[in-house]
Amino acid sequence: MSYDLRRLRLHGLIERLPKTQRYHLTTFGLKTALFYSRTYQRLLRRGLSELHDPYPLPASSLAADYAKFQNALDAYISEKLAA
């Protein structure tokens, strides 16, 4: 725990309250937490669900690009294993 608290403090996300063993979230820490939370909610969760949808929408460019990537990766792996 002390390692994690020290890393957060050194990165400026939290600050120790004087003469206590408590920590306070800094303004930068709050902005960083909100950024990661919103990024997850708006981009990652939706994007990952779109990639793993068994019935993707035909206009889904993300799913189409991911399928192309998977096919290229599979072809590359089979080529390297055959060699």
N, C-alpha and C. Protein backbone atom coordinates (compact mmCIF):
# COMPACT_ATOMS: atom_id res chain seq x y z
N MET A 1 0.82 -1.18 0.00
CA MET A 1 0.00 0.00 0.00
C MET A 1 0.87 1.26 0.00
N SER A 2 1.93 1.25 0.79
CA SER A 2 2.78 2.44 0.84
C SER A 2 3.44 2.71 -0.50
N TYR A 3 3.77 1.63 -1.24
CA TYR A 3 4.36 1.81 -2.56
C TYR A 3 3.36 2.52 -3.49
N ASP A 4 2.12 2.05 -3.49
CA ASP A 4 1.10 2.64 -4.36
C ASP A 4 0.82 4.09 -3.98
N LEU A 5 0.72 4.36 -2.68
CA LEU A 5 0.48 5.74 -2.25
C LEU A 5 1.64 6.65 -2.63
N ARG A 6 2.85 6.14 -2.49
CA ARG A 6 4.03 6.95 -2.86
C ARG A 6 4.03 7.26 -4.35
N ARG A 7 3.70 6.27 -5.16
CA ARG A 7 3.68 6.49 -6.62
C ARG A 7 2.60 7.52 -6.99
N LEU A 8 1.43 7.41 -6.40
CA LEU A 8 0.37 8.38 -6.67
C LEU A 8 0.77 9.77 -6.22
N ARG A 9 1.42 9.85 -5.06
CA ARG A 9 1.86 11.16 -4.56
C ARG A 9 2.93 11.75 -5.45
N LEU A 10 3.89 10.94 -5.89
CA LEU A 10 4.97 11.45 -6.74
C LEU A 10 4.46 11.89 -8.11
N HIS A 11 3.39 11.28 -8.56
CA HIS A 11 2.80 11.69 -9.85
C HIS A 11 1.85 12.87 -9.69
N GLY A 12 1.65 13.35 -8.47
CA GLY A 12 0.83 14.53 -8.25
C GLY A 12 -0.66 14.26 -8.22
N LEU A 13 -1.07 12.99 -8.07
CA LEU A 13 -2.49 12.67 -8.05
C LEU A 13 -3.10 12.82 -6.67
N ILE A 14 -2.31 12.60 -5.63
CA ILE A 14 -2.78 12.77 -4.26
C ILE A 14 -1.74 13.57 -3.48
N GLU A 15 -2.18 14.11 -2.36
CA GLU A 15 -1.24 14.79 -1.47
C GLU A 15 -1.60 14.41 -0.03
N ARG A 16 -0.58 14.31 0.79
CA ARG A 16 -0.79 13.92 2.17
C ARG A 16 -1.22 15.13 3.00
N LEU A 17 -2.20 14.92 3.84
CA LEU A 17 -2.64 15.98 4.74
C LEU A 17 -1.63 16.09 5.87
N PRO A 18 -1.20 17.29 6.20
CA PRO A 18 -0.15 17.45 7.22
C PRO A 18 -0.56 16.87 8.58
N LYS A 19 0.40 16.23 9.22
CA LYS A 19 0.26 15.67 10.56
C LYS A 19 -0.85 14.61 10.68
N THR A 20 -1.17 13.96 9.56
CA THR A 20 -2.14 12.86 9.58
C THR A 20 -1.61 11.75 8.69
N GLN A 21 -2.32 10.65 8.68
CA GLN A 21 -1.99 9.57 7.77
C GLN A 21 -3.04 9.47 6.67
N ARG A 22 -3.65 10.59 6.35
CA ARG A 22 -4.68 10.65 5.34
C ARG A 22 -4.15 11.36 4.10
N TYR A 23 -4.79 11.05 2.98
CA TYR A 23 -4.41 11.66 1.71
C TYR A 23 -5.61 12.36 1.10
N HIS A 24 -5.34 13.34 0.26
CA HIS A 24 -6.37 14.14 -0.38
C HIS A 24 -6.13 14.11 -1.88
N LEU A 25 -7.19 13.97 -2.65
CA LEU A 25 -7.09 13.97 -4.11
C LEU A 25 -6.82 15.38 -4.60
N THR A 26 -5.81 15.55 -5.44
CA THR A 26 -5.51 16.88 -5.97
C THR A 26 -6.44 17.18 -7.14
N THR A 27 -6.43 18.42 -7.58
CA THR A 27 -7.24 18.81 -8.74
C THR A 27 -6.79 18.04 -9.97
N PHE A 28 -5.48 17.91 -10.12
CA PHE A 28 -4.94 17.13 -11.25
C PHE A 28 -5.37 15.67 -11.15
N GLY A 29 -5.37 15.12 -9.94
CA GLY A 29 -5.80 13.74 -9.73
C GLY A 29 -7.26 13.54 -10.08
N LEU A 30 -8.10 14.50 -9.71
CA LEU A 30 -9.52 14.41 -10.04
C LEU A 30 -9.74 14.50 -11.55
N LYS A 31 -9.04 15.41 -12.20
CA LYS A 31 -9.17 15.53 -13.66
C LYS A 31 -8.69 14.27 -14.36
N THR A 32 -7.61 13.67 -13.86
CA THR A 32 -7.09 12.44 -14.44
C THR A 32 -8.07 11.29 -14.25
N ALA A 33 -8.64 11.17 -13.06
CA ALA A 33 -9.62 10.12 -12.79
C ALA A 33 -10.85 10.28 -13.68
N LEU A 34 -11.34 11.50 -13.83
CA LEU A 34 -12.49 11.75 -14.70
C LEU A 34 -12.17 11.44 -16.15
N PHE A 35 -10.96 11.79 -16.58
CA PHE A 35 -10.57 11.50 -17.96
C PHE A 35 -10.58 10.00 -18.23
N TYR A 36 -9.97 9.22 -17.34
CA TYR A 36 -9.93 7.76 -17.54
C TYR A 36 -11.32 7.15 -17.44
N SER A 37 -12.13 7.64 -16.53
CA SER A 37 -13.48 7.13 -16.38
C SER A 37 -14.32 7.41 -17.63
N ARG A 38 -14.24 8.62 -18.12
CA ARG A 38 -15.01 8.98 -19.32
C ARG A 38 -14.47 8.27 -20.56
N THR A 39 -13.16 8.10 -20.65
CA THR A 39 -12.59 7.38 -21.78
C THR A 39 -13.09 5.95 -21.80
N TYR A 40 -13.12 5.31 -20.64
CA TYR A 40 -13.62 3.94 -20.57
C TYR A 40 -15.09 3.88 -20.97
N GLN A 41 -15.90 4.78 -20.41
CA GLN A 41 -17.33 4.73 -20.67
C GLN A 41 -17.68 5.06 -22.12
N ARG A 42 -17.00 6.04 -22.69
CA ARG A 42 -17.38 6.51 -24.02
C ARG A 42 -16.67 5.81 -25.16
N LEU A 43 -15.45 5.33 -24.94
CA LEU A 43 -14.70 4.72 -26.04
C LEU A 43 -14.48 3.23 -25.86
N LEU A 44 -13.84 2.85 -24.79
CA LEU A 44 -13.43 1.46 -24.64
C LEU A 44 -14.62 0.51 -24.50
N ARG A 45 -15.55 0.84 -23.62
CA ARG A 45 -16.68 -0.07 -23.40
C ARG A 45 -17.50 -0.24 -24.67
N ARG A 46 -17.78 0.85 -25.34
CA ARG A 46 -18.57 0.78 -26.58
C ARG A 46 -17.78 0.09 -27.70
N GLY A 47 -16.50 0.43 -27.81
CA GLY A 47 -15.69 -0.18 -28.87
C GLY A 47 -15.51 -1.67 -28.68
N LEU A 48 -15.24 -2.09 -27.44
CA LEU A 48 -15.07 -3.52 -27.18
C LEU A 48 -16.37 -4.28 -27.38
N SER A 49 -17.49 -3.69 -27.00
CA SER A 49 -18.76 -4.38 -27.22
C SER A 49 -19.06 -4.48 -28.71
N GLU A 50 -18.66 -3.48 -29.47
CA GLU A 50 -18.87 -3.52 -30.92
C GLU A 50 -17.99 -4.59 -31.56
N LEU A 51 -16.78 -4.76 -31.05
CA LEU A 51 -15.89 -5.77 -31.60
C LEU A 51 -16.36 -7.19 -31.30
N HIS A 52 -16.96 -7.39 -30.16
CA HIS A 52 -17.35 -8.74 -29.74
C HIS A 52 -18.84 -9.01 -29.93
N ASP A 53 -19.51 -8.16 -30.66
CA ASP A 53 -20.93 -8.35 -30.93
C ASP A 53 -21.07 -9.50 -31.94
N PRO A 54 -21.89 -10.53 -31.62
CA PRO A 54 -22.03 -11.64 -32.57
C PRO A 54 -22.75 -11.23 -33.86
N TYR A 55 -23.53 -10.17 -33.80
CA TYR A 55 -24.24 -9.68 -34.98
C TYR A 55 -23.88 -8.21 -35.21
N PRO A 56 -22.68 -7.94 -35.74
CA PRO A 56 -22.26 -6.53 -35.90
C PRO A 56 -23.08 -5.83 -36.97
N LEU A 57 -23.19 -4.54 -36.81
CA LEU A 57 -23.89 -3.73 -37.81
C LEU A 57 -23.08 -3.70 -39.09
N PRO A 58 -23.73 -3.70 -40.24
CA PRO A 58 -22.98 -3.68 -41.50
C PRO A 58 -22.14 -2.41 -41.68
N ALA A 59 -22.56 -1.32 -41.06
CA ALA A 59 -21.84 -0.05 -41.22
C ALA A 59 -20.75 0.13 -40.17
N SER A 60 -20.45 -0.92 -39.42
CA SER A 60 -19.47 -0.82 -38.35
C SER A 60 -18.06 -0.92 -38.93
N SER A 61 -17.41 0.23 -39.06
CA SER A 61 -16.06 0.22 -39.63
C SER A 61 -15.06 -0.37 -38.65
N LEU A 62 -15.31 -0.20 -37.35
CA LEU A 62 -14.40 -0.75 -36.35
C LEU A 62 -14.39 -2.28 -36.43
N ALA A 63 -15.56 -2.89 -36.51
CA ALA A 63 -15.64 -4.35 -36.60
C ALA A 63 -15.02 -4.85 -37.90
N ALA A 64 -15.23 -4.12 -38.99
CA ALA A 64 -14.66 -4.53 -40.28
C ALA A 64 -13.14 -4.43 -40.26
N ASP A 65 -12.61 -3.35 -39.70
CA ASP A 65 -11.16 -3.20 -39.61
C ASP A 65 -10.54 -4.23 -38.68
N TYR A 66 -11.24 -4.55 -37.60
CA TYR A 66 -10.74 -5.56 -36.67
C TYR A 66 -10.72 -6.94 -37.34
N ALA A 67 -11.74 -7.24 -38.13
CA ALA A 67 -11.78 -8.52 -38.84
C ALA A 67 -10.63 -8.60 -39.85
N LYS A 68 -10.34 -7.50 -40.55
CA LYS A 68 -9.20 -7.47 -41.49
C LYS A 68 -7.89 -7.70 -40.75
N PHE A 69 -7.76 -7.06 -39.60
CA PHE A 69 -6.56 -7.23 -38.78
C PHE A 69 -6.40 -8.68 -38.34
N GLN A 70 -7.48 -9.29 -37.87
CA GLN A 70 -7.42 -10.69 -37.44
C GLN A 70 -7.05 -11.61 -38.59
N ASN A 71 -7.60 -11.37 -39.77
CA ASN A 71 -7.27 -12.19 -40.94
C ASN A 71 -5.81 -12.02 -41.34
N ALA A 72 -5.32 -10.80 -41.32
CA ALA A 72 -3.92 -10.56 -41.66
C ALA A 72 -3.00 -11.20 -40.62
N LEU A 73 -3.37 -11.12 -39.36
CA LEU A 73 -2.56 -11.73 -38.31
C LEU A 73 -2.56 -13.25 -38.43
N ASP A 74 -3.71 -13.83 -38.71
CA ASP A 74 -3.78 -15.28 -38.89
C ASP A 74 -2.94 -15.73 -40.09
N ALA A 75 -3.00 -14.98 -41.18
CA ALA A 75 -2.19 -15.32 -42.37
C ALA A 75 -0.71 -15.21 -42.07
N TYR A 76 -0.32 -14.19 -41.33
CA TYR A 76 1.10 -14.00 -40.97
C TYR A 76 1.59 -15.14 -40.08
N ILE A 77 0.77 -15.52 -39.12
CA ILE A 77 1.17 -16.61 -38.21
C ILE A 77 1.27 -17.91 -38.96
N SER A 78 0.28 -18.22 -39.84
CA SER A 78 0.38 -19.47 -40.59
C SER A 78 1.57 -19.49 -41.54
N GLU A 79 1.90 -18.32 -42.10
CA GLU A 79 3.07 -18.24 -42.99
C GLU A 79 4.35 -18.49 -42.20
N LYS A 80 4.46 -17.93 -41.02
CA LYS A 80 5.68 -18.10 -40.20
C LYS A 80 5.78 -19.52 -39.65
N LEU A 81 4.65 -20.15 -39.34
CA LEU A 81 4.69 -21.52 -38.84
C LEU A 81 5.03 -22.51 -39.96
N ALA A 82 4.63 -22.19 -41.19
CA ALA A 82 4.92 -23.06 -42.32
C ALA A 82 6.38 -22.99 -42.73
N ALA A 83 7.04 -21.88 -42.45
CA ALA A 83 8.43 -21.68 -42.86
C ALA A 83 9.41 -22.43 -41.99
